[in-house]
Amino acid sequence: MRRPTGEHAPTDPPGAPRVDPRVLTALLGRHGWHRTGGGSGPYTRWTPPGPAAAPSLLVPTGLDLADSHDLLAEALTALARTTAPSARAVLTALATPSDEIHWHRAAPATAGPAPWAAQDRLRTAARRTLLAAARAAHGRTGPRRPAALPDRDLPDRDRADRDRAETPGAPPGRNLAETLPGQALPGPSLLDHVLLTTPPGDAPALTAYLPVGPGRPVTERLHHALHATREAVDYQRATGRPDAFDTAVAAGVGRELTEALVALVHGTEGAAVTLAWAPATGAPAGCAARPEPVEFTPGDLPALREAGARYRRARSSAPARVTGTVVRLCRTGSRGPGTVRLRVLAGAGTTHLRATLDEDGYRTAVHAHLAGVPLRVHGRLEVRGGRHHLTGTHDVAAVHVDDAERDRLTKTLDEDG
């Protein structure tokens, strides 16, 4: 991610033949330039925002007139010579069609941090927001771990489970290769294409330009995720229930985004994120052509923090169907539930785990252990202190294998013992 240094490097204006006048006028209007004169005609005149004594621009409405290219070239040259930050922003957007993301923070009424410190915090929160959107747009999984045994040692119906062995929190049934074939997880490399600028003004603000090519999926996902987060916060504040954050996951909401928004809002009177699509490409399907700012206030922080903690807890457990051989059984009495230790054959990215079973499940585990056959258990795989546990178990059943396989597993159990 390129960071502004306070001095803008010279920017050559794009060639007039490859600039669409409609894109130029849309960008001028977006960045505060004012259209003057009549509403119809072959030309429009634009004056810069603020009291700056910059020249006005005469922009043709199309390229079908004889002097359209000359006027467009003159307008671009005038923009390049204008010192107004809005002119630089227009040229930047023209040079590379980019979606824009604007962050604004309302400074607290009391004395806050120094301006440079507040701007640095804003830049950090913006970066975290972009990373959260990038990871949501491209999918995330935990690292894929090797299974305990090769394919040839697994019952046929459990090979698919081995292929989907996952760490808690990863999407069920998806591994890294399926999510991003031949690609690495998104991260700082994506942000290398992002240009950050600081708009003029007293309030801390930041604008990011994401090139449409690599950045459009990220901007689109951020658009949906921000609105889903806003709706989930409103629902929780109105009802006291966090259910909406569960459904918001499909829109790209997760721990990273909620924590980024906490960092954005903390220490302010409020913050807003506004998206603007590249005029050359327009809005993607299903998105508003001119998205409204999505605002968050300090009153939203408890809901955002609770949602982040909720997502963090959810990532520490995941539904699983584990197949393994019983290596140890334990319960306090002759009846009731008990705990078994399994040597994992499929369904979990670990070699051993403990499972808590009800009385019927424990009895099935005893029979499987005595018969020397694997046990299949459904439940939720959790990690506590580095140890794997299967809780909420159900559908406990022995897996039938042939005599040769049973003998081999029995020898393996003897070696483990």
Protein backbone atom coordinates (compact mmCIF):
# COMPACT_ATOMS: atom_id res chain seq x y z
CA MET A 1 0.00 0.00 0.00
CA ARG A 2 1.50 3.30 -1.02
CA ARG A 3 1.34 5.89 1.73
CA PRO A 4 1.11 9.63 1.11
CA THR A 5 4.17 11.65 2.07
CA GLY A 6 2.41 15.00 2.23
CA GLU A 7 3.77 16.12 -1.16
CA HIS A 8 2.05 14.87 -4.28
CA ALA A 9 4.27 13.59 -7.01
CA PRO A 10 3.68 15.18 -10.41
CA THR A 11 0.94 13.44 -12.35
CA ASP A 12 0.83 13.68 -16.11
CA PRO A 13 -2.71 13.98 -17.45
CA PRO A 14 -4.04 11.00 -19.39
CA GLY A 15 -4.19 11.47 -23.13
CA ALA A 16 -7.39 13.14 -24.28
CA PRO A 17 -8.32 10.45 -26.87
CA ARG A 18 -8.62 7.80 -24.17
CA VAL A 19 -10.63 9.88 -21.67
CA ASP A 20 -14.41 9.66 -21.79
CA PRO A 21 -15.89 13.12 -21.10
CA ARG A 22 -18.75 11.50 -19.18
CA VAL A 23 -16.24 9.85 -16.83
CA LEU A 24 -14.42 13.16 -16.36
CA THR A 25 -17.59 15.06 -15.49
CA ALA A 26 -18.69 12.31 -13.10
CA LEU A 27 -15.35 12.52 -11.28
CA LEU A 28 -15.46 16.31 -11.15
CA GLY A 29 -18.90 16.18 -9.54
CA ARG A 30 -17.79 13.45 -7.12
CA HIS A 31 -14.82 15.51 -5.92
CA GLY A 32 -16.71 18.71 -5.26
CA TRP A 33 -16.42 20.65 -8.50
CA HIS A 34 -19.48 22.75 -9.34
CA ARG A 35 -21.25 22.77 -12.67
CA THR A 36 -22.18 26.26 -13.80
CA GLY A 37 -24.21 27.60 -16.70
CA GLY A 38 -27.10 25.96 -18.48
CA GLY A 39 -28.04 22.35 -18.11
CA SER A 40 -28.07 21.56 -21.81
CA GLY A 41 -25.65 22.12 -24.65
CA PRO A 42 -22.52 20.55 -26.13
CA TYR A 43 -20.26 21.82 -23.31
CA THR A 44 -20.32 22.11 -19.52
CA ARG A 45 -18.27 24.44 -17.35
CA TRP A 46 -16.90 23.33 -13.98
CA THR A 47 -15.41 25.44 -11.18
CA PRO A 48 -13.25 24.00 -8.38
CA PRO A 49 -14.49 23.69 -4.79
CA GLY A 50 -13.54 26.21 -2.16
CA PRO A 51 -12.08 29.67 -2.49
CA ALA A 52 -9.03 28.56 -4.52
CA ALA A 53 -8.37 30.77 -7.52
CA ALA A 54 -8.12 27.87 -9.95
CA PRO A 55 -9.37 28.23 -13.52
CA SER A 56 -12.70 26.76 -14.53
CA LEU A 57 -12.84 23.88 -16.98
CA LEU A 58 -14.81 23.68 -20.20
CA VAL A 59 -15.63 20.03 -20.83
CA PRO A 60 -17.40 18.69 -23.93
CA THR A 61 -20.36 16.40 -23.34
CA GLY A 62 -19.18 14.02 -26.06
CA LEU A 63 -16.49 13.40 -28.64
CA ASP A 64 -18.60 13.95 -31.73
CA LEU A 65 -17.76 17.66 -32.16
CA ALA A 66 -14.76 18.88 -34.13
CA ASP A 67 -13.09 20.61 -31.18
CA SER A 68 -13.99 18.01 -28.53
CA HIS A 69 -10.51 16.48 -28.35
CA ASP A 70 -8.83 19.89 -28.15
CA LEU A 71 -11.12 21.06 -25.35
CA LEU A 72 -10.66 17.83 -23.47
CA ALA A 73 -6.87 18.12 -23.75
CA GLU A 74 -7.00 21.70 -22.47
CA ALA A 75 -9.18 20.65 -19.52
CA LEU A 76 -6.79 17.86 -18.57
CA THR A 77 -3.78 20.15 -18.83
CA ALA A 78 -5.50 22.71 -16.62
CA LEU A 79 -6.27 20.01 -14.08
CA ALA A 80 -2.62 18.92 -14.03
CA ARG A 81 -1.54 22.51 -13.33
CA THR A 82 -4.13 23.05 -10.62
CA THR A 83 -2.82 22.72 -7.07
CA ALA A 84 -6.23 21.86 -5.60
CA PRO A 85 -6.24 18.36 -4.03
CA SER A 86 -9.53 17.62 -5.78
CA ALA A 87 -7.83 18.08 -9.17
CA ARG A 88 -5.14 15.59 -8.20
CA ALA A 89 -7.82 13.11 -7.10
CA VAL A 90 -9.62 13.43 -10.44
CA LEU A 91 -6.40 12.81 -12.40
CA THR A 92 -5.55 9.81 -10.22
CA ALA A 93 -8.94 8.24 -10.91
CA LEU A 94 -8.61 8.96 -14.64
CA ALA A 95 -5.15 7.42 -14.90
CA THR A 96 -6.33 4.04 -13.57
CA PRO A 97 -10.07 3.29 -13.34
CA SER A 98 -10.48 2.74 -9.62
CA ASP A 99 -13.15 2.30 -7.01
CA GLU A 100 -12.85 4.75 -4.14
CA ILE A 101 -13.23 4.06 -0.43
CA HIS A 102 -13.48 7.05 1.89
CA TRP A 103 -13.00 6.87 5.66
CA HIS A 104 -14.07 9.79 7.87
CA ARG A 105 -13.73 10.10 11.64
CA ALA A 106 -15.42 12.74 13.77
CA ALA A 107 -12.85 14.11 16.22
CA PRO A 108 -13.86 13.98 19.90
CA ALA A 109 -15.08 17.17 21.51
CA THR A 110 -12.36 16.99 24.16
CA ALA A 111 -8.67 17.12 23.37
CA GLY A 112 -7.69 13.95 21.56
CA PRO A 113 -4.42 12.59 20.22
CA ALA A 114 -2.11 14.69 18.09
CA PRO A 115 -3.24 15.03 14.45
CA TRP A 116 -0.44 12.82 13.18
CA ALA A 117 -1.32 10.12 15.73
CA ALA A 118 -5.02 10.27 14.82
CA GLN A 119 -4.17 10.00 11.12
CA ASP A 120 -1.91 7.02 11.78
CA ARG A 121 -4.68 5.26 13.71
CA LEU A 122 -7.07 5.95 10.86
CA ARG A 123 -4.61 4.53 8.35
CA THR A 124 -4.19 1.40 10.48
CA ALA A 125 -7.96 0.92 10.74
CA ALA A 126 -8.36 1.45 6.99
CA ARG A 127 -5.70 -1.14 6.23
CA ARG A 128 -7.40 -3.66 8.54
CA THR A 129 -10.72 -2.97 6.84
CA LEU A 130 -9.23 -3.63 3.40
CA LEU A 131 -7.53 -6.82 4.56
CA ALA A 132 -10.78 -8.08 6.08
CA ALA A 133 -12.64 -7.40 2.83
CA ALA A 134 -9.89 -9.02 0.75
CA ARG A 135 -9.92 -12.19 2.81
CA ALA A 136 -13.70 -12.33 2.77
CA ALA A 137 -13.77 -11.79 -1.01
CA HIS A 138 -11.31 -14.59 -1.76
CA GLY A 139 -12.28 -17.00 1.02
CA ARG A 140 -10.31 -18.14 4.04
CA THR A 141 -9.39 -21.56 5.36
CA GLY A 142 -7.08 -22.79 8.02
CA PRO A 143 -3.87 -24.57 7.07
CA ARG A 144 -4.41 -28.01 5.70
CA ARG A 145 -2.77 -30.67 7.83
CA PRO A 146 -1.81 -34.14 6.71
CA ALA A 147 -4.10 -36.93 7.83
CA ALA A 148 -2.84 -39.57 10.20
CA LEU A 149 -2.95 -42.40 7.64
CA PRO A 150 -2.64 -42.62 3.83
CA ASP A 151 -5.63 -43.32 1.57
CA ARG A 152 -5.00 -47.02 1.29
CA ASP A 153 -5.45 -47.43 5.07
CA LEU A 154 -8.86 -45.77 5.24
CA PRO A 155 -12.30 -47.30 4.77
CA ASP A 156 -13.65 -46.17 1.38
CA ARG A 157 -16.50 -44.06 2.72
CA ASP A 158 -14.09 -42.06 4.89
CA ARG A 159 -11.58 -41.04 2.23
CA ALA A 160 -13.67 -37.98 1.45
CA ASP A 161 -13.47 -37.01 5.12
CA ARG A 162 -9.68 -37.31 5.00
CA ASP A 163 -9.57 -35.10 1.94
CA ARG A 164 -11.59 -32.48 3.83
CA ALA A 165 -9.55 -32.66 7.03
CA GLU A 166 -9.70 -29.19 8.43
CA THR A 167 -8.82 -27.14 11.44
CA PRO A 168 -11.61 -25.68 13.58
CA GLY A 169 -13.10 -22.57 12.04
CA ALA A 170 -12.43 -23.47 8.42
CA PRO A 171 -15.48 -23.71 6.14
CA PRO A 172 -16.74 -27.32 6.23
CA GLY A 173 -15.90 -29.35 3.16
CA ARG A 174 -13.45 -26.84 1.68
CA ASN A 175 -9.68 -26.92 1.68
CA LEU A 176 -7.13 -24.40 0.56
CA ALA A 177 -6.73 -25.84 -2.91
CA GLU A 178 -10.48 -25.77 -3.51
CA THR A 179 -10.83 -22.20 -2.27
CA LEU A 180 -7.94 -20.58 -4.12
CA PRO A 181 -6.56 -22.88 -6.83
CA GLY A 182 -2.92 -22.04 -7.42
CA GLN A 183 -3.08 -18.83 -5.36
CA ALA A 184 -1.95 -17.68 -1.97
CA LEU A 185 -4.29 -16.17 0.54
CA PRO A 186 -4.83 -12.46 -0.05
CA GLY A 187 -2.79 -10.13 2.09
CA PRO A 188 -0.40 -7.23 1.82
CA SER A 189 0.38 -8.04 -1.85
CA LEU A 190 -3.14 -6.92 -2.81
CA LEU A 191 -2.64 -3.64 -0.98
CA ASP A 192 0.45 -2.90 -3.06
CA HIS A 193 -1.98 -1.78 -5.79
CA VAL A 194 -3.89 0.56 -3.48
CA LEU A 195 -3.16 4.29 -3.41
CA LEU A 196 -3.94 6.12 -0.17
CA THR A 197 -4.41 9.88 -0.08
CA THR A 198 -5.35 12.30 2.66
CA PRO A 199 -8.11 14.74 1.67
CA PRO A 200 -7.86 18.34 2.88
CA GLY A 201 -9.75 19.37 5.98
CA ASP A 202 -9.54 19.34 9.75
CA ALA A 203 -11.32 16.02 10.39
CA PRO A 204 -9.23 12.85 10.02
CA ALA A 205 -10.05 11.36 6.65
CA LEU A 206 -8.51 8.96 4.18
CA THR A 207 -9.27 7.86 0.62
CA ALA A 208 -8.16 4.60 -0.99
CA TYR A 209 -8.15 4.01 -4.75
CA LEU A 210 -8.55 0.33 -5.67
CA PRO A 211 -7.89 -0.45 -9.36
CA VAL A 212 -10.98 -2.11 -10.79
CA GLY A 213 -9.05 -5.11 -12.14
CA PRO A 214 -7.71 -6.64 -8.92
CA GLY A 215 -9.76 -4.56 -6.49
CA ARG A 216 -13.40 -4.73 -7.63
CA PRO A 217 -14.19 -8.03 -5.82
CA VAL A 218 -12.79 -6.51 -2.63
CA THR A 219 -14.77 -3.28 -2.94
CA GLU A 220 -17.95 -5.16 -3.78
CA ARG A 221 -17.57 -7.50 -0.80
CA LEU A 222 -16.83 -4.56 1.49
CA HIS A 223 -20.01 -2.84 0.28
CA HIS A 224 -22.17 -5.82 1.23
CA ALA A 225 -20.28 -6.51 4.47
CA LEU A 226 -20.55 -2.95 5.78
CA HIS A 227 -24.30 -2.80 5.22
CA ALA A 228 -24.77 -6.26 6.74
CA THR A 229 -22.75 -5.18 9.79
CA ARG A 230 -24.82 -2.02 10.17
CA GLU A 231 -28.06 -4.03 10.02
CA ALA A 232 -26.74 -6.63 12.48
CA VAL A 233 -25.71 -3.92 14.95
CA ASP A 234 -29.11 -2.25 14.67
CA TYR A 235 -30.86 -5.58 15.23
CA GLN A 236 -28.79 -6.39 18.31
CA ARG A 237 -29.25 -2.95 19.82
CA ALA A 238 -33.01 -3.19 19.25
CA THR A 239 -33.56 -6.78 20.42
CA GLY A 240 -30.47 -7.65 22.47
CA ARG A 241 -29.97 -10.71 20.25
CA PRO A 242 -26.80 -11.26 18.14
CA ASP A 243 -28.49 -13.62 15.66
CA ALA A 244 -28.09 -11.24 12.72
CA PHE A 245 -24.31 -11.53 12.94
CA ASP A 246 -24.65 -15.24 12.11
CA THR A 247 -26.43 -14.56 8.83
CA ALA A 248 -24.10 -11.61 8.11
CA VAL A 249 -21.22 -14.04 7.62
CA ALA A 250 -22.52 -14.80 4.12
CA ALA A 251 -22.06 -11.10 3.25
CA GLY A 252 -18.42 -11.13 4.36
CA VAL A 253 -18.75 -10.08 8.00
CA GLY A 254 -16.30 -11.71 10.38
CA ARG A 255 -13.95 -11.14 13.26
CA GLU A 256 -11.45 -9.16 11.17
CA LEU A 257 -14.05 -6.66 9.95
CA THR A 258 -15.74 -6.12 13.32
CA GLU A 259 -12.37 -5.55 14.99
CA ALA A 260 -11.33 -3.15 12.22
CA LEU A 261 -14.53 -1.15 12.76
CA VAL A 262 -13.88 -1.05 16.50
CA ALA A 263 -10.44 0.40 15.78
CA LEU A 264 -12.02 2.91 13.38
CA VAL A 265 -14.67 4.15 15.82
CA HIS A 266 -12.80 3.97 19.13
CA GLY A 267 -11.78 7.37 20.44
CA THR A 268 -14.05 9.32 18.09
CA GLU A 269 -17.54 10.82 18.05
CA GLY A 270 -18.35 8.53 15.11
CA ALA A 271 -16.94 7.27 11.83
CA ALA A 272 -18.23 6.62 8.33
CA VAL A 273 -17.12 4.58 5.33
CA THR A 274 -18.29 5.63 1.87
CA LEU A 275 -17.75 3.76 -1.39
CA ALA A 276 -17.80 5.16 -4.92
CA TRP A 277 -17.57 3.02 -8.03
CA ALA A 278 -15.26 3.80 -10.92
CA PRO A 279 -17.41 5.80 -13.39
CA ALA A 280 -15.81 4.00 -16.34
CA THR A 281 -17.25 0.66 -15.19
CA GLY A 282 -20.26 1.62 -13.11
CA ALA A 283 -21.69 -0.24 -10.13
CA PRO A 284 -21.57 -4.04 -9.98
CA ALA A 285 -24.78 -6.01 -10.06
CA GLY A 286 -26.70 -5.94 -6.80
CA CYS A 287 -25.02 -2.76 -5.53
CA ALA A 288 -26.36 0.77 -5.32
CA ALA A 289 -25.06 3.09 -8.03
CA ARG A 290 -24.27 5.73 -5.40
CA PRO A 291 -23.84 3.96 -2.04
CA GLU A 292 -24.77 5.94 1.03
CA PRO A 293 -22.17 6.37 3.79
CA VAL A 294 -22.23 3.59 6.37
CA GLU A 295 -21.90 5.22 9.77
CA PHE A 296 -20.93 3.82 13.17
CA THR A 297 -20.95 5.55 16.53
CA PRO A 298 -19.44 4.83 19.95
CA GLY A 299 -22.82 3.39 20.95
CA ASP A 300 -22.21 0.59 18.43
CA LEU A 301 -18.93 -0.49 20.04
CA PRO A 302 -20.42 -2.98 22.57
CA ALA A 303 -22.27 -4.83 19.80
CA LEU A 304 -19.19 -4.82 17.54
CA ARG A 305 -16.93 -6.08 20.33
CA GLU A 306 -19.40 -8.80 21.31
CA ALA A 307 -19.68 -9.87 17.67
CA GLY A 308 -15.89 -10.07 17.36
CA ALA A 309 -15.71 -12.26 20.46
CA ARG A 310 -18.56 -14.39 19.13
CA TYR A 311 -16.75 -14.92 15.82
CA ARG A 312 -13.55 -15.74 17.68
CA ARG A 313 -15.31 -18.41 19.72
CA ALA A 314 -16.97 -19.82 16.60
CA ARG A 315 -13.59 -20.19 14.89
CA SER A 316 -12.39 -22.36 17.78
CA SER A 317 -14.96 -25.05 16.98
CA ALA A 318 -16.43 -26.61 13.87
CA PRO A 319 -18.75 -29.50 13.00
CA ALA A 320 -16.86 -32.69 12.20
CA ARG A 321 -17.33 -36.37 11.48
CA VAL A 322 -14.33 -38.19 12.88
CA THR A 323 -13.34 -41.80 12.29
CA GLY A 324 -10.73 -43.35 14.56
CA THR A 325 -9.69 -46.34 16.59
CA VAL A 326 -10.45 -46.40 20.31
CA VAL A 327 -7.23 -46.43 22.32
CA ARG A 328 -8.57 -45.56 25.78
CA LEU A 329 -11.93 -45.59 27.61
CA CYS A 330 -12.82 -43.90 30.87
CA ARG A 331 -15.95 -43.29 32.94
CA THR A 332 -16.58 -42.83 36.62
CA GLY A 333 -19.09 -45.63 37.13
CA SER A 334 -20.55 -48.73 35.54
CA ARG A 335 -23.24 -46.72 33.82
CA GLY A 336 -23.64 -43.25 32.31
CA PRO A 337 -21.56 -41.19 29.91
CA GLY A 338 -17.83 -41.60 29.46
CA THR A 339 -14.78 -40.32 27.61
CA VAL A 340 -12.79 -42.12 24.93
CA ARG A 341 -9.49 -41.34 23.30
CA LEU A 342 -9.37 -41.88 19.54
CA ARG A 343 -6.46 -42.37 17.20
CA VAL A 344 -7.75 -40.35 14.25
CA LEU A 345 -8.02 -41.99 10.84
CA ALA A 346 -10.10 -39.29 9.12
CA GLY A 347 -12.06 -36.11 9.70
CA ALA A 348 -9.71 -34.04 11.88
CA GLY A 349 -6.33 -32.43 11.40
CA THR A 350 -4.78 -34.13 14.40
CA THR A 351 -3.53 -37.61 15.29
CA HIS A 352 -5.45 -38.07 18.57
CA LEU A 353 -8.45 -36.52 20.27
CA ARG A 354 -10.85 -37.06 23.16
CA ALA A 355 -14.59 -37.50 22.72
CA THR A 356 -17.29 -37.31 25.37
CA LEU A 357 -20.03 -39.87 24.68
CA ASP A 358 -23.42 -40.60 26.23
CA GLU A 359 -24.14 -44.02 27.70
CA ASP A 360 -25.24 -45.59 24.39
CA GLY A 361 -22.34 -44.06 22.51
CA TYR A 362 -19.88 -45.23 25.15
CA ARG A 363 -21.28 -48.76 24.93
CA THR A 364 -20.80 -48.67 21.13
CA ALA A 365 -17.21 -47.50 21.65
CA VAL A 366 -16.56 -50.43 24.00
CA HIS A 367 -17.88 -52.91 21.44
CA ALA A 368 -15.79 -51.30 18.68
CA HIS A 369 -12.69 -51.49 20.87
CA LEU A 370 -13.25 -55.15 21.72
CA ALA A 371 -13.94 -55.99 18.06
CA GLY A 372 -10.88 -54.06 16.87
CA VAL A 373 -12.82 -51.90 14.41
CA PRO A 374 -12.86 -48.10 13.99
CA LEU A 375 -15.49 -45.84 15.48
CA ARG A 376 -17.24 -43.01 13.64
CA VAL A 377 -18.50 -40.06 15.71
CA HIS A 378 -20.28 -36.83 14.77
CA GLY A 379 -19.87 -33.70 16.90
CA ARG A 380 -18.09 -30.38 17.22
CA LEU A 381 -14.32 -30.31 17.11
CA GLU A 382 -12.83 -27.89 19.63
CA VAL A 383 -9.29 -26.94 20.60
CA ARG A 384 -8.62 -26.27 24.28
CA GLY A 385 -5.12 -25.54 25.39
CA GLY A 386 -3.69 -27.21 22.30
CA ARG A 387 -5.74 -30.40 22.80
CA HIS A 388 -8.52 -31.52 20.46
CA HIS A 389 -11.91 -32.46 21.88
CA LEU A 390 -15.09 -33.68 20.21
CA THR A 391 -18.18 -32.42 22.02
CA GLY A 392 -21.91 -32.63 21.39
CA THR A 393 -21.37 -36.12 19.98
CA HIS A 394 -24.11 -38.08 18.24
CA ASP A 395 -24.61 -40.83 15.65
CA VAL A 396 -21.85 -42.98 17.14
CA ALA A 397 -21.32 -46.15 15.10
CA ALA A 398 -18.71 -48.83 14.52
CA VAL A 399 -17.13 -49.01 11.06
CA HIS A 400 -17.00 -52.56 9.71
CA VAL A 401 -13.75 -53.62 8.03
CA ASP A 402 -12.44 -56.90 6.67
CA ASP A 403 -10.42 -59.36 8.78
CA ALA A 404 -7.04 -58.29 7.41
CA GLU A 405 -7.70 -54.64 8.14
CA ARG A 406 -8.98 -55.48 11.63
CA ASP A 407 -5.81 -57.44 12.39
CA ARG A 408 -3.63 -54.56 11.19
CA LEU A 409 -5.54 -52.06 13.34
CA THR A 410 -5.25 -54.36 16.36
CA LYS A 411 -1.46 -54.48 15.92
CA THR A 412 -1.40 -50.71 15.67
CA LEU A 413 -3.35 -50.42 18.91
CA ASP A 414 -0.91 -52.75 20.64
CA GLU A 415 1.99 -50.58 19.47
CA ASP A 416 0.27 -47.43 20.74
CA GLY A 417 -0.40 -49.06 24.06
